[in-house]
Amino acid sequence: MSDAIDALAAEIAAEVRRAESLHAPMHSPHEGWSIIFEELEELREHVRADTGRSEEARKEAIQIAAMGLRYALNLCGDVV
């Protein structure tokens, strides 16, 4: 199980890096929330269409996790 978690965490980290290379940092909590909400809505569309277990739904879930990390990195200061 921990191998699967590590592999998934690596995918999420790669998505954070990809997003950071394409987009400016989140500027405000409102912007961060909007980005996360947009990703949630895209996953919701898959759930409603009964495609919530598809590869595309999985990508949306990974993007939600990645945007949560970006929110923490961009808006919540240095914790580490």
PDB file of N, CA and C in Angstrom:
ATOM      1  N   MET A   1       0.828  -1.197   0.000  1.00  0.00           N
ATOM      2  CA  MET A   1       0.000   0.000   0.000  1.00  0.00           C
ATOM      3  C   MET A   1       0.868   1.255   0.000  1.00  0.00           C
ATOM      4  N   SER A   2       1.960   1.263   0.764  1.00  0.00           N
ATOM      5  CA  SER A   2       2.784   2.471   0.818  1.00  0.00           C
ATOM      6  C   SER A   2       3.437   2.755  -0.531  1.00  0.00           C
ATOM      7  N   ASP A   3       3.724   1.701  -1.334  1.00  0.00           N
ATOM      8  CA  ASP A   3       4.266   1.925  -2.675  1.00  0.00           C
ATOM      9  C   ASP A   3       3.255   2.663  -3.545  1.00  0.00           C
ATOM     10  N   ALA A   4       1.991   2.298  -3.435  1.00  0.00           N
ATOM     11  CA  ALA A   4       0.942   2.969  -4.204  1.00  0.00           C
ATOM     12  C   ALA A   4       0.800   4.419  -3.759  1.00  0.00           C
ATOM     13  N   ILE A   5       0.898   4.660  -2.461  1.00  0.00           N
ATOM     14  CA  ILE A   5       0.814   6.026  -1.943  1.00  0.00           C
ATOM     15  C   ILE A   5       1.999   6.847  -2.429  1.00  0.00           C
ATOM     16  N   ASP A   6       3.185   6.272  -2.381  1.00  0.00           N
ATOM     17  CA  ASP A   6       4.383   6.974  -2.857  1.00  0.00           C
ATOM     18  C   ASP A   6       4.279   7.302  -4.341  1.00  0.00           C
ATOM     19  N   ALA A   7       3.787   6.358  -5.132  1.00  0.00           N
ATOM     20  CA  ALA A   7       3.646   6.587  -6.569  1.00  0.00           C
ATOM     21  C   ALA A   7       2.624   7.687  -6.839  1.00  0.00           C
ATOM     22  N   LEU A   8       1.521   7.668  -6.134  1.00  0.00           N
ATOM     23  CA  LEU A   8       0.496   8.690  -6.308  1.00  0.00           C
ATOM     24  C   LEU A   8       1.007  10.056  -5.850  1.00  0.00           C
ATOM     25  N   ALA A   9       1.726  10.088  -4.739  1.00  0.00           N
ATOM     26  CA  ALA A   9       2.305  11.351  -4.257  1.00  0.00           C
ATOM     27  C   ALA A   9       3.285  11.914  -5.279  1.00  0.00           C
ATOM     28  N   ALA A  10       4.028  11.052  -5.953  1.00  0.00           N
ATOM     29  CA  ALA A  10       4.952  11.510  -6.993  1.00  0.00           C
ATOM     30  C   ALA A  10       4.192  12.100  -8.175  1.00  0.00           C
ATOM     31  N   GLU A  11       3.054  11.506  -8.537  1.00  0.00           N
ATOM     32  CA  GLU A  11       2.225  12.054  -9.616  1.00  0.00           C
ATOM     33  C   GLU A  11       1.687  13.430  -9.239  1.00  0.00           C
ATOM     34  N   ILE A  12       1.254  13.564  -7.999  1.00  0.00           N
ATOM     35  CA  ILE A  12       0.728  14.850  -7.530  1.00  0.00           C
ATOM     36  C   ILE A  12       1.834  15.896  -7.534  1.00  0.00           C
ATOM     37  N   ALA A  13       3.011  15.532  -7.060  1.00  0.00           N
ATOM     38  CA  ALA A  13       4.141  16.467  -7.060  1.00  0.00           C
ATOM     39  C   ALA A  13       4.490  16.896  -8.474  1.00  0.00           C
ATOM     40  N   ALA A  14       4.458  15.961  -9.418  1.00  0.00           N
ATOM     41  CA  ALA A  14       4.740  16.299 -10.814  1.00  0.00           C
ATOM     42  C   ALA A  14       3.693  17.269 -11.353  1.00  0.00           C
ATOM     43  N   GLU A  15       2.438  17.087 -10.965  1.00  0.00           N
ATOM     44  CA  GLU A  15       1.380  17.996 -11.408  1.00  0.00           C
ATOM     45  C   GLU A  15       1.561  19.382 -10.798  1.00  0.00           C
ATOM     46  N   VAL A  16       2.000  19.458  -9.552  1.00  0.00           N
ATOM     47  CA  VAL A  16       2.291  20.756  -8.936  1.00  0.00           C
ATOM     48  C   VAL A  16       3.391  21.452  -9.731  1.00  0.00           C
ATOM     49  N   ARG A  17       4.450  20.736 -10.037  1.00  0.00           N
ATOM     50  CA  ARG A  17       5.560  21.325 -10.796  1.00  0.00           C
ATOM     51  C   ARG A  17       5.112  21.778 -12.188  1.00  0.00           C
ATOM     52  N   ARG A  18       4.294  20.966 -12.837  1.00  0.00           N
ATOM     53  CA  ARG A  18       3.781  21.333 -14.157  1.00  0.00           C
ATOM     54  C   ARG A  18       2.953  22.609 -14.076  1.00  0.00           C
ATOM     55  N   ALA A  19       2.045  22.664 -13.112  1.00  0.00           N
ATOM     56  CA  ALA A  19       1.188  23.841 -12.948  1.00  0.00           C
ATOM     57  C   ALA A  19       2.016  25.080 -12.610  1.00  0.00           C
ATOM     58  N   GLU A  20       3.019  24.916 -11.753  1.00  0.00           N
ATOM     59  CA  GLU A  20       3.868  26.045 -11.383  1.00  0.00           C
ATOM     60  C   GLU A  20       4.649  26.570 -12.585  1.00  0.00           C
ATOM     61  N   SER A  21       5.006  25.675 -13.523  1.00  0.00           N
ATOM     62  CA  SER A  21       5.758  26.119 -14.701  1.00  0.00           C
ATOM     63  C   SER A  21       4.861  26.837 -15.708  1.00  0.00           C
ATOM     64  N   LEU A  22       3.564  26.564 -15.657  1.00  0.00           N
ATOM     65  CA  LEU A  22       2.637  27.150 -16.625  1.00  0.00           C
ATOM     66  C   LEU A  22       1.903  28.381 -16.110  1.00  0.00           C
ATOM     67  N   HIS A  23       1.716  28.468 -14.810  1.00  0.00           N
ATOM     68  CA  HIS A  23       0.855  29.511 -14.231  1.00  0.00           C
ATOM     69  C   HIS A  23       1.581  30.262 -13.116  1.00  0.00           C
ATOM     70  N   ALA A  24       1.237  31.517 -12.987  1.00  0.00           N
ATOM     71  CA  ALA A  24       1.770  32.327 -11.891  1.00  0.00           C
ATOM     72  C   ALA A  24       1.302  31.749 -10.558  1.00  0.00           C
ATOM     73  N   PRO A  25       2.013  32.056  -9.477  1.00  0.00           N
ATOM     74  CA  PRO A  25       1.552  31.608  -8.162  1.00  0.00           C
ATOM     75  C   PRO A  25       0.150  32.158  -7.860  1.00  0.00           C
ATOM     76  N   MET A  26      -0.560  31.453  -7.027  1.00  0.00           N
ATOM     77  CA  MET A  26      -1.870  31.937  -6.580  1.00  0.00           C
ATOM     78  C   MET A  26      -1.641  33.230  -5.810  1.00  0.00           C
ATOM     79  N   HIS A  27      -2.453  34.234  -6.091  1.00  0.00           N
ATOM     80  CA  HIS A  27      -2.248  35.550  -5.495  1.00  0.00           C
ATOM     81  C   HIS A  27      -3.083  35.817  -4.244  1.00  0.00           C
ATOM     82  N   SER A  28      -4.176  35.080  -4.091  1.00  0.00           N
ATOM     83  CA  SER A  28      -5.042  35.335  -2.942  1.00  0.00           C
ATOM     84  C   SER A  28      -5.797  34.061  -2.580  1.00  0.00           C
ATOM     85  N   PRO A  29      -6.292  33.997  -1.355  1.00  0.00           N
ATOM     86  CA  PRO A  29      -7.115  32.850  -0.987  1.00  0.00           C
ATOM     87  C   PRO A  29      -8.348  32.701  -1.891  1.00  0.00           C
ATOM     88  N   HIS A  30      -8.924  33.801  -2.314  1.00  0.00           N
ATOM     89  CA  HIS A  30     -10.086  33.715  -3.208  1.00  0.00           C
ATOM     90  C   HIS A  30      -9.708  33.065  -4.538  1.00  0.00           C
ATOM     91  N   GLU A  31      -8.567  33.454  -5.090  1.00  0.00           N
ATOM     92  CA  GLU A  31      -8.108  32.850  -6.339  1.00  0.00           C
ATOM     93  C   GLU A  31      -7.815  31.361  -6.134  1.00  0.00           C
ATOM     94  N   GLY A  32      -7.133  31.033  -5.051  1.00  0.00           N
ATOM     95  CA  GLY A  32      -6.825  29.630  -4.765  1.00  0.00           C
ATOM     96  C   GLY A  32      -8.079  28.793  -4.633  1.00  0.00           C
ATOM     97  N   TRP A  33      -9.050  29.308  -3.891  1.00  0.00           N
ATOM     98  CA  TRP A  33     -10.318  28.598  -3.728  1.00  0.00           C
ATOM     99  C   TRP A  33     -10.996  28.407  -5.078  1.00  0.00           C
ATOM    100  N   SER A  34     -10.989  29.430  -5.908  1.00  0.00           N
ATOM    101  CA  SER A  34     -11.638  29.336  -7.220  1.00  0.00           C
ATOM    102  C   SER A  34     -10.999  28.260  -8.078  1.00  0.00           C
ATOM    103  N   ILE A  35      -9.691  28.178  -8.048  1.00  0.00           N
ATOM    104  CA  ILE A  35      -8.987  27.162  -8.833  1.00  0.00           C
ATOM    105  C   ILE A  35      -9.334  25.762  -8.332  1.00  0.00           C
ATOM    106  N   ILE A  36      -9.308  25.572  -7.024  1.00  0.00           N
ATOM    107  CA  ILE A  36      -9.645  24.271  -6.443  1.00  0.00           C
ATOM    108  C   ILE A  36     -11.100  23.922  -6.742  1.00  0.00           C
ATOM    109  N   PHE A  37     -11.989  24.894  -6.615  1.00  0.00           N
ATOM    110  CA  PHE A  37     -13.415  24.663  -6.873  1.00  0.00           C
ATOM    111  C   PHE A  37     -13.641  24.259  -8.327  1.00  0.00           C
ATOM    112  N   GLU A  38     -12.925  24.900  -9.245  1.00  0.00           N
ATOM    113  CA  GLU A  38     -13.047  24.544 -10.664  1.00  0.00           C
ATOM    114  C   GLU A  38     -12.663  23.077 -10.888  1.00  0.00           C
ATOM    115  N   GLU A  39     -11.583  22.646 -10.268  1.00  0.00           N
ATOM    116  CA  GLU A  39     -11.162  21.248 -10.394  1.00  0.00           C
ATOM    117  C   GLU A  39     -12.193  20.310  -9.754  1.00  0.00           C
ATOM    118  N   LEU A  40     -12.744  20.707  -8.618  1.00  0.00           N
ATOM    119  CA  LEU A  40     -13.789  19.900  -7.974  1.00  0.00           C
ATOM    120  C   LEU A  40     -15.006  19.759  -8.882  1.00  0.00           C
ATOM    121  N   GLU A  41     -15.382  20.840  -9.532  1.00  0.00           N
ATOM    122  CA  GLU A  41     -16.536  20.803 -10.440  1.00  0.00           C
ATOM    123  C   GLU A  41     -16.274  19.867 -11.620  1.00  0.00           C
ATOM    124  N   GLU A  42     -15.042  19.851 -12.112  1.00  0.00           N
ATOM    125  CA  GLU A  42     -14.715  18.954 -13.213  1.00  0.00           C
ATOM    126  C   GLU A  42     -14.811  17.496 -12.778  1.00  0.00           C
ATOM    127  N   LEU A  43     -14.385  17.185 -11.556  1.00  0.00           N
ATOM    128  CA  LEU A  43     -14.548  15.831 -11.035  1.00  0.00           C
ATOM    129  C   LEU A  43     -16.025  15.518 -10.830  1.00  0.00           C
ATOM    130  N   ARG A  44     -16.763  16.477 -10.338  1.00  0.00           N
ATOM    131  CA  ARG A  44     -18.200  16.289 -10.114  1.00  0.00           C
ATOM    132  C   ARG A  44     -18.914  15.923 -11.416  1.00  0.00           C
ATOM    133  N   GLU A  45     -18.503  16.540 -12.515  1.00  0.00           N
ATOM    134  CA  GLU A  45     -19.101  16.206 -13.810  1.00  0.00           C
ATOM    135  C   GLU A  45     -18.883  14.733 -14.145  1.00  0.00           C
ATOM    136  N   HIS A  46     -17.723  14.216 -13.827  1.00  0.00           N
ATOM    137  CA  HIS A  46     -17.460  12.793 -14.072  1.00  0.00           C
ATOM    138  C   HIS A  46     -18.334  11.917 -13.181  1.00  0.00           C
ATOM    139  N   VAL A  47     -18.484  12.310 -11.933  1.00  0.00           N
ATOM    140  CA  VAL A  47     -19.308  11.531 -11.010  1.00  0.00           C
ATOM    141  C   VAL A  47     -20.754  11.508 -11.503  1.00  0.00           C
ATOM    142  N   ARG A  48     -21.263  12.653 -11.902  1.00  0.00           N
ATOM    143  CA  ARG A  48     -22.646  12.728 -12.389  1.00  0.00           C
ATOM    144  C   ARG A  48     -22.839  11.938 -13.682  1.00  0.00           C
ATOM    145  N   ALA A  49     -21.804  11.878 -14.511  1.00  0.00           N
ATOM    146  CA  ALA A  49     -21.895  11.153 -15.780  1.00  0.00           C
ATOM    147  C   ALA A  49     -21.593   9.663 -15.611  1.00  0.00           C
ATOM    148  N   ASP A  50     -21.413   9.241 -14.383  1.00  0.00           N
ATOM    149  CA  ASP A  50     -21.073   7.851 -14.070  1.00  0.00           C
ATOM    150  C   ASP A  50     -19.738   7.437 -14.684  1.00  0.00           C
ATOM    151  N   THR A  51     -18.817   8.404 -14.775  1.00  0.00           N
ATOM    152  CA  THR A  51     -17.456   8.112 -15.231  1.00  0.00           C
ATOM    153  C   THR A  51     -16.459   8.465 -14.122  1.00  0.00           C
ATOM    154  N   GLY A  52     -16.927   8.396 -12.890  1.00  0.00           N
ATOM    155  CA  GLY A  52     -16.116   8.784 -11.746  1.00  0.00           C
ATOM    156  C   GLY A  52     -14.962   7.858 -11.418  1.00  0.00           C
ATOM    157  N   ARG A  53     -14.878   6.730 -12.096  1.00  0.00           N
ATOM    158  CA  ARG A  53     -13.749   5.808 -11.887  1.00  0.00           C
ATOM    159  C   ARG A  53     -12.836   5.768 -13.112  1.00  0.00           C
ATOM    160  N   SER A  54     -13.042   6.683 -14.038  1.00  0.00           N
ATOM    161  CA  SER A  54     -12.269   6.701 -15.279  1.00  0.00           C
ATOM    162  C   SER A  54     -10.887   7.329 -15.083  1.00  0.00           C
ATOM    163  N   GLU A  55     -10.047   7.150 -16.088  1.00  0.00           N
ATOM    164  CA  GLU A  55      -8.715   7.771 -16.070  1.00  0.00           C
ATOM    165  C   GLU A  55      -8.838   9.288 -16.018  1.00  0.00           C
ATOM    166  N   GLU A  56      -9.825   9.839 -16.716  1.00  0.00           N
ATOM    167  CA  GLU A  56     -10.019  11.294 -16.695  1.00  0.00           C
ATOM    168  C   GLU A  56     -10.434  11.775 -15.296  1.00  0.00           C
ATOM    169  N   ALA A  57     -11.279  11.034 -14.623  1.00  0.00           N
ATOM    170  CA  ALA A  57     -11.674  11.390 -13.257  1.00  0.00           C
ATOM    171  C   ALA A  57     -10.466  11.321 -12.325  1.00  0.00           C
ATOM    172  N   ARG A  58      -9.634  10.310 -12.527  1.00  0.00           N
ATOM    173  CA  ARG A  58      -8.409  10.179 -11.723  1.00  0.00           C
ATOM    174  C   ARG A  58      -7.514  11.392 -11.912  1.00  0.00           C
ATOM    175  N   LYS A  59      -7.387  11.862 -13.156  1.00  0.00           N
ATOM    176  CA  LYS A  59      -6.584  13.056 -13.435  1.00  0.00           C
ATOM    177  C   LYS A  59      -7.141  14.266 -12.701  1.00  0.00           C
ATOM    178  N   GLU A  60      -8.468  14.384 -12.670  1.00  0.00           N
ATOM    179  CA  GLU A  60      -9.083  15.506 -11.949  1.00  0.00           C
ATOM    180  C   GLU A  60      -8.788  15.413 -10.455  1.00  0.00           C
ATOM    181  N   ALA A  61      -8.855  14.216  -9.900  1.00  0.00           N
ATOM    182  CA  ALA A  61      -8.556  14.039  -8.471  1.00  0.00           C
ATOM    183  C   ALA A  61      -7.107  14.423  -8.176  1.00  0.00           C
ATOM    184  N   ILE A  62      -6.205  14.047  -9.064  1.00  0.00           N
ATOM    185  CA  ILE A  62      -4.798  14.413  -8.893  1.00  0.00           C
ATOM    186  C   ILE A  62      -4.638  15.931  -8.980  1.00  0.00           C
ATOM    187  N   GLN A  63      -5.358  16.563  -9.895  1.00  0.00           N
ATOM    188  CA  GLN A  63      -5.287  18.018 -10.007  1.00  0.00           C
ATOM    189  C   GLN A  63      -5.839  18.706  -8.766  1.00  0.00           C
ATOM    190  N   ILE A  64      -6.882  18.160  -8.178  1.00  0.00           N
ATOM    191  CA  ILE A  64      -7.422  18.734  -6.938  1.00  0.00           C
ATOM    192  C   ILE A  64      -6.359  18.686  -5.841  1.00  0.00           C
ATOM    193  N   ALA A  65      -5.718  17.527  -5.686  1.00  0.00           N
ATOM    194  CA  ALA A  65      -4.672  17.396  -4.672  1.00  0.00           C
ATOM    195  C   ALA A  65      -3.519  18.350  -4.956  1.00  0.00           C
ATOM    196  N   ALA A  66      -3.129  18.452  -6.228  1.00  0.00           N
ATOM    197  CA  ALA A  66      -2.024  19.338  -6.603  1.00  0.00           C
ATOM    198  C   ALA A  66      -2.374  20.797  -6.321  1.00  0.00           C
ATOM    199  N   MET A  67      -3.600  21.195  -6.602  1.00  0.00           N
ATOM    200  CA  MET A  67      -3.983  22.581  -6.355  1.00  0.00           C
ATOM    201  C   MET A  67      -4.072  22.861  -4.855  1.00  0.00           C
ATOM    202  N   GLY A  68      -4.410  21.856  -4.064  1.00  0.00           N
ATOM    203  CA  GLY A  68      -4.359  22.016  -2.615  1.00  0.00           C
ATOM    204  C   GLY A  68      -2.932  22.257  -2.140  1.00  0.00           C
ATOM    205  N   LEU A  69      -1.992  21.527  -2.722  1.00  0.00           N
ATOM    206  CA  LEU A  69      -0.586  21.753  -2.385  1.00  0.00           C
ATOM    207  C   LEU A  69      -0.138  23.139  -2.827  1.00  0.00           C
ATOM    208  N   ARG A  70      -0.526  23.541  -4.037  1.00  0.00           N
ATOM    209  CA  ARG A  70      -0.163  24.881  -4.506  1.00  0.00           C
ATOM    210  C   ARG A  70      -0.733  25.948  -3.574  1.00  0.00           C
ATOM    211  N   TYR A  71      -1.965  25.759  -3.118  1.00  0.00           N
ATOM    212  CA  TYR A  71      -2.573  26.711  -2.185  1.00  0.00           C
ATOM    213  C   TYR A  71      -1.696  26.841  -0.949  1.00  0.00           C
ATOM    214  N   ALA A  72      -1.329  25.717  -0.371  1.00  0.00           N
ATOM    215  CA  ALA A  72      -0.495  25.742   0.830  1.00  0.00           C
ATOM    216  C   ALA A  72       0.868  26.378   0.550  1.00  0.00           C
ATOM    217  N   LEU A  73       1.461  26.050  -0.585  1.00  0.00           N
ATOM    218  CA  LEU A  73       2.786  26.595  -0.939  1.00  0.00           C
ATOM    219  C   LEU A  73       2.722  28.086  -1.229  1.00  0.00           C
ATOM    220  N   ASN A  74       1.737  28.499  -2.000  1.00  0.00           N
ATOM    221  CA  ASN A  74       1.675  29.887  -2.458  1.00  0.00           C
ATOM    222  C   ASN A  74       1.070  30.843  -1.456  1.00  0.00           C
ATOM    223  N   LEU A  75       0.189  30.366  -0.601  1.00  0.00           N
ATOM    224  CA  LEU A  75      -0.602  31.285   0.215  1.00  0.00           C
ATOM    225  C   LEU A  75      -0.447  31.125   1.725  1.00  0.00           C
ATOM    226  N   CYS A  76       0.131  30.039   2.161  1.00  0.00           N
ATOM    227  CA  CYS A  76       0.155  29.780   3.603  1.00  0.00           C
ATOM    228  C   CYS A  76       1.540  29.918   4.220  1.00  0.00           C
ATOM    229  N   GLY A  77       2.465  30.507   3.501  1.00  0.00           N
ATOM    230  CA  GLY A  77       3.787  30.764   4.049  1.00  0.00           C
ATOM    231  C   GLY A  77       4.645  29.518   4.137  1.00  0.00           C
ATOM    232  N   ASP A  78       5.859  29.727   4.550  1.00  0.00           N
ATOM    233  CA  ASP A  78       6.824  28.645   4.682  1.00  0.00           C
ATOM    234  C   ASP A  78       6.621  27.939   6.015  1.00  0.00           C
ATOM    235  N   VAL A  79       6.199  26.719   5.940  1.00  0.00           N
ATOM    236  CA  VAL A  79       5.984  25.938   7.151  1.00  0.00           C
ATOM    237  C   VAL A  79       7.135  24.965   7.366  1.00  0.00           C
ATOM    238  N   VAL A  80       7.751  24.554   6.291  1.00  0.00           N
ATOM    239  CA  VAL A  80       8.804  23.531   6.354  1.00  0.00           C
ATOM    240  C   VAL A  80      10.090  24.149   6.851  1.00  0.00           C
TER     241      VAL A  80
END
